[in-house]
Structure formats: structure tokens, C-alpha cells
């Protein structure tokens, strides 16, 4: 009886985690254009992707190496052409950015997350 409950709970957890990952596919790429209410990104696999920016979009610094405890605050002004970003879409609309992490690393450096 205990084994069947454990198996059932494990299966339910697996299904839940799988469904969460299926809904929220992050977009990773280099910024190619920024406007007041949208962001365009060039990704490795998907090509050009566009997302809408809202007043609820959260911006964070994408920290890729030490010091890990550095300030992670960022804002829309940090979105510059060529910067590597990862975008988490909003749950209700995948074309709206919920969270954008912005790398401050220069293209071509070892720490640049979007290098080919």
C-alpha cells in the first residue's frame, strides 16, 4: 500500500513538473531591437523572436560568474543592442515578457551567455 501511494505521488509530481516546463519556455538570445513596448531577440535555434513589454515586466541582471552576491537590479534602460538576455514569458500570454534577465558581459568574452 505504501509503495503504491509513493508511486502515485511521484507520477503526479512528474506530470506537474512536465506541464510547468511545457508552458514556460524561456527565450535566450541577443537583443536586436528595443522599443517602448517590445523587444526583439535573435536566438540560436528559433531565429528572430519578439515579445511585448508591459509595466509588469521585471528586469534583473543575469549574473554568470563571481561575485555571486552582486546587486541584481536592472531596468529597461539596461536593454541595449547586442546584450544577451533570457526572457521568461507570462503564463497567460507567451508573447508577453514576465521576467527579463540581462547579461552585462561583452560579446566575445568567455562569460557571454549567447556566444555561438
C-alpha atoms as a PDB file:
ATOM      1  CA  UNK A   1       0.000   0.000   0.000  1.00  0.00           C
ATOM      2  CA  UNK A   2       2.791   2.433   0.914  1.00  0.00           C
ATOM      3  CA  UNK A   3       4.657   1.705  -2.324  1.00  0.00           C
ATOM      4  CA  UNK A   4       1.585   2.376  -4.461  1.00  0.00           C
ATOM      5  CA  UNK A   5       0.978   5.728  -2.723  1.00  0.00           C
ATOM      6  CA  UNK A   6       4.604   6.692  -3.265  1.00  0.00           C
ATOM      7  CA  UNK A   7       4.394   5.700  -6.921  1.00  0.00           C
ATOM      8  CA  UNK A   8       1.175   7.670  -7.383  1.00  0.00           C
ATOM      9  CA  UNK A   9       2.586  10.791  -5.721  1.00  0.00           C
ATOM     10  CA  UNK A  10       5.807  10.502  -7.768  1.00  0.00           C
ATOM     11  CA  UNK A  11       3.838  10.184 -11.002  1.00  0.00           C
ATOM     12  CA  UNK A  12       1.638  13.177 -10.131  1.00  0.00           C
ATOM     13  CA  UNK A  13       4.707  15.262  -9.328  1.00  0.00           C
ATOM     14  CA  UNK A  14       6.335  14.245 -12.630  1.00  0.00           C
ATOM     15  CA  UNK A  15       3.226  15.253 -14.607  1.00  0.00           C
ATOM     16  CA  UNK A  16       3.007  18.589 -12.783  1.00  0.00           C
ATOM     17  CA  UNK A  17       6.669  19.464 -13.374  1.00  0.00           C
ATOM     18  CA  UNK A  18       6.436  18.410 -17.024  1.00  0.00           C
ATOM     19  CA  UNK A  19       3.394  20.599 -17.628  1.00  0.00           C
ATOM     20  CA  UNK A  20       5.050  23.609 -16.000  1.00  0.00           C
ATOM     21  CA  UNK A  21       8.121  23.226 -18.210  1.00  0.00           C
ATOM     22  CA  UNK A  22       5.975  22.796 -21.318  1.00  0.00           C
ATOM     23  CA  UNK A  23       4.177  26.111 -20.712  1.00  0.00           C
ATOM     24  CA  UNK A  24       7.109  28.337 -19.788  1.00  0.00           C
ATOM     25  CA  UNK A  25       9.800  28.000 -22.430  1.00  0.00           C
ATOM     26  CA  UNK A  26      12.395  30.704 -21.909  1.00  0.00           C
ATOM     27  CA  UNK A  27      13.785  32.654 -24.857  1.00  0.00           C
ATOM     28  CA  UNK A  28      17.559  33.179 -24.871  1.00  0.00           C
ATOM     29  CA  UNK A  29      19.272  35.431 -27.375  1.00  0.00           C
ATOM     30  CA  UNK A  30      20.930  38.725 -28.239  1.00  0.00           C
ATOM     31  CA  UNK A  31      18.894  41.927 -28.322  1.00  0.00           C
ATOM     32  CA  UNK A  32      18.467  43.271 -31.867  1.00  0.00           C
ATOM     33  CA  UNK A  33      15.828  45.975 -31.289  1.00  0.00           C
ATOM     34  CA  UNK A  34      14.115  47.691 -28.358  1.00  0.00           C
ATOM     35  CA  UNK A  35      11.077  49.935 -28.468  1.00  0.00           C
ATOM     36  CA  UNK A  36       8.824  51.413 -25.807  1.00  0.00           C
ATOM     37  CA  UNK A  37       6.616  48.325 -25.639  1.00  0.00           C
ATOM     38  CA  UNK A  38       8.505  45.493 -27.386  1.00  0.00           C
ATOM     39  CA  UNK A  39      11.815  43.673 -27.551  1.00  0.00           C
ATOM     40  CA  UNK A  40      13.296  41.738 -30.467  1.00  0.00           C
ATOM     41  CA  UNK A  41      15.857  38.987 -29.864  1.00  0.00           C
ATOM     42  CA  UNK A  42      17.939  36.799 -32.207  1.00  0.00           C
ATOM     43  CA  UNK A  43      18.120  33.244 -30.844  1.00  0.00           C
ATOM     44  CA  UNK A  44      20.374  30.394 -31.924  1.00  0.00           C
ATOM     45  CA  UNK A  45      17.637  27.920 -32.868  1.00  0.00           C
ATOM     46  CA  UNK A  46      14.394  29.836 -33.296  1.00  0.00           C
ATOM     47  CA  UNK A  47      15.682  32.862 -35.212  1.00  0.00           C
ATOM     48  CA  UNK A  48      14.071  36.228 -34.520  1.00  0.00           C
ATOM     49  CA  UNK A  49      11.662  36.375 -31.552  1.00  0.00           C
ATOM     50  CA  UNK A  50       9.585  39.353 -30.431  1.00  0.00           C
ATOM     51  CA  UNK A  51       7.944  39.898 -27.047  1.00  0.00           C
ATOM     52  CA  UNK A  52       5.835  42.691 -25.640  1.00  0.00           C
ATOM     53  CA  UNK A  53       6.973  44.652 -22.608  1.00  0.00           C
ATOM     54  CA  UNK A  54       4.442  45.804 -20.021  1.00  0.00           C
ATOM     55  CA  UNK A  55       4.563  47.759 -16.800  1.00  0.00           C
ATOM     56  CA  UNK A  56       4.561  44.368 -15.018  1.00  0.00           C
ATOM     57  CA  UNK A  57       7.732  43.153 -16.782  1.00  0.00           C
ATOM     58  CA  UNK A  58      10.528  42.626 -14.245  1.00  0.00           C
ATOM     59  CA  UNK A  59      14.181  43.273 -15.150  1.00  0.00           C
ATOM     60  CA  UNK A  60      17.151  41.593 -13.420  1.00  0.00           C
ATOM     61  CA  UNK A  61      20.872  41.421 -14.038  1.00  0.00           C
ATOM     62  CA  UNK A  62      21.912  37.993 -15.378  1.00  0.00           C
ATOM     63  CA  UNK A  63      24.882  37.132 -13.165  1.00  0.00           C
ATOM     64  CA  UNK A  64      27.032  34.466 -14.872  1.00  0.00           C
ATOM     65  CA  UNK A  65      30.121  34.453 -12.631  1.00  0.00           C
ATOM     66  CA  UNK A  66      31.522  35.669  -9.331  1.00  0.00           C
ATOM     67  CA  UNK A  67      30.945  37.732  -7.296  1.00  0.00           C
ATOM     68  CA  UNK A  68      27.599  35.971  -6.894  1.00  0.00           C
ATOM     69  CA  UNK A  69      26.343  38.415  -4.273  1.00  0.00           C
ATOM     70  CA  UNK A  70      26.481  41.458  -6.536  1.00  0.00           C
ATOM     71  CA  UNK A  71      23.454  43.700  -6.955  1.00  0.00           C
ATOM     72  CA  UNK A  72      20.996  42.079  -9.392  1.00  0.00           C
ATOM     73  CA  UNK A  73      18.842  45.142 -10.007  1.00  0.00           C
ATOM     74  CA  UNK A  74      18.305  46.241 -13.600  1.00  0.00           C
ATOM     75  CA  UNK A  75      15.736  48.233 -15.519  1.00  0.00           C
ATOM     76  CA  UNK A  76      14.540  48.763 -19.065  1.00  0.00           C
ATOM     77  CA  UNK A  77      17.466  51.097 -19.792  1.00  0.00           C
ATOM     78  CA  UNK A  78      19.772  48.055 -19.460  1.00  0.00           C
ATOM     79  CA  UNK A  79      18.294  46.583 -22.665  1.00  0.00           C
ATOM     80  CA  UNK A  80      20.961  47.508 -25.204  1.00  0.00           C
ATOM     81  CA  UNK A  81      21.556  46.143 -28.711  1.00  0.00           C
ATOM     82  CA  UNK A  82      23.852  43.104 -28.532  1.00  0.00           C
ATOM     83  CA  UNK A  83      23.187  42.313 -24.881  1.00  0.00           C
ATOM     84  CA  UNK A  84      22.347  38.680 -24.178  1.00  0.00           C
ATOM     85  CA  UNK A  85      19.004  38.174 -22.424  1.00  0.00           C
ATOM     86  CA  UNK A  86      16.842  35.356 -21.176  1.00  0.00           C
ATOM     87  CA  UNK A  87      13.113  36.031 -21.235  1.00  0.00           C
ATOM     88  CA  UNK A  88      10.511  34.197 -19.188  1.00  0.00           C
ATOM     89  CA  UNK A  89       7.103  34.608 -20.812  1.00  0.00           C
ATOM     90  CA  UNK A  90       3.969  35.425 -18.859  1.00  0.00           C
ATOM     91  CA  UNK A  91       1.872  32.363 -18.082  1.00  0.00           C
ATOM     92  CA  UNK A  92      -1.291  33.674 -19.732  1.00  0.00           C
ATOM     93  CA  UNK A  93       0.405  35.027 -22.899  1.00  0.00           C
ATOM     94  CA  UNK A  94       3.719  33.614 -24.193  1.00  0.00           C
ATOM     95  CA  UNK A  95       4.304  36.778 -26.274  1.00  0.00           C
ATOM     96  CA  UNK A  96       4.484  38.991 -23.172  1.00  0.00           C
ATOM     97  CA  UNK A  97       7.694  39.148 -21.110  1.00  0.00           C
ATOM     98  CA  UNK A  98       7.228  38.420 -17.418  1.00  0.00           C
ATOM     99  CA  UNK A  99      10.931  38.438 -16.403  1.00  0.00           C
ATOM    100  CA  UNK A 100      13.984  39.512 -18.392  1.00  0.00           C
ATOM    101  CA  UNK A 101      17.486  38.728 -17.178  1.00  0.00           C
ATOM    102  CA  UNK A 102      20.091  40.939 -18.858  1.00  0.00           C
ATOM    103  CA  UNK A 103      23.757  39.988 -19.161  1.00  0.00           C
ATOM    104  CA  UNK A 104      26.265  42.799 -18.823  1.00  0.00           C
ATOM    105  CA  UNK A 105      29.024  40.716 -20.427  1.00  0.00           C
ATOM    106  CA  UNK A 106      30.548  41.909 -23.685  1.00  0.00           C
ATOM    107  CA  UNK A 107      30.053  39.780 -26.805  1.00  0.00           C
ATOM    108  CA  UNK A 108      33.115  37.630 -27.472  1.00  0.00           C
ATOM    109  CA  UNK A 109      34.134  37.189 -23.842  1.00  0.00           C
ATOM    110  CA  UNK A 110      34.197  33.799 -22.151  1.00  0.00           C
ATOM    111  CA  UNK A 111      31.296  34.799 -19.885  1.00  0.00           C
ATOM    112  CA  UNK A 112      28.984  35.995 -22.699  1.00  0.00           C
ATOM    113  CA  UNK A 113      25.999  33.572 -22.473  1.00  0.00           C
ATOM    114  CA  UNK A 114      24.914  33.947 -26.144  1.00  0.00           C
ATOM    115  CA  UNK A 115      28.176  33.037 -27.809  1.00  0.00           C
ATOM    116  CA  UNK A 116      27.842  30.711 -30.762  1.00  0.00           C
END
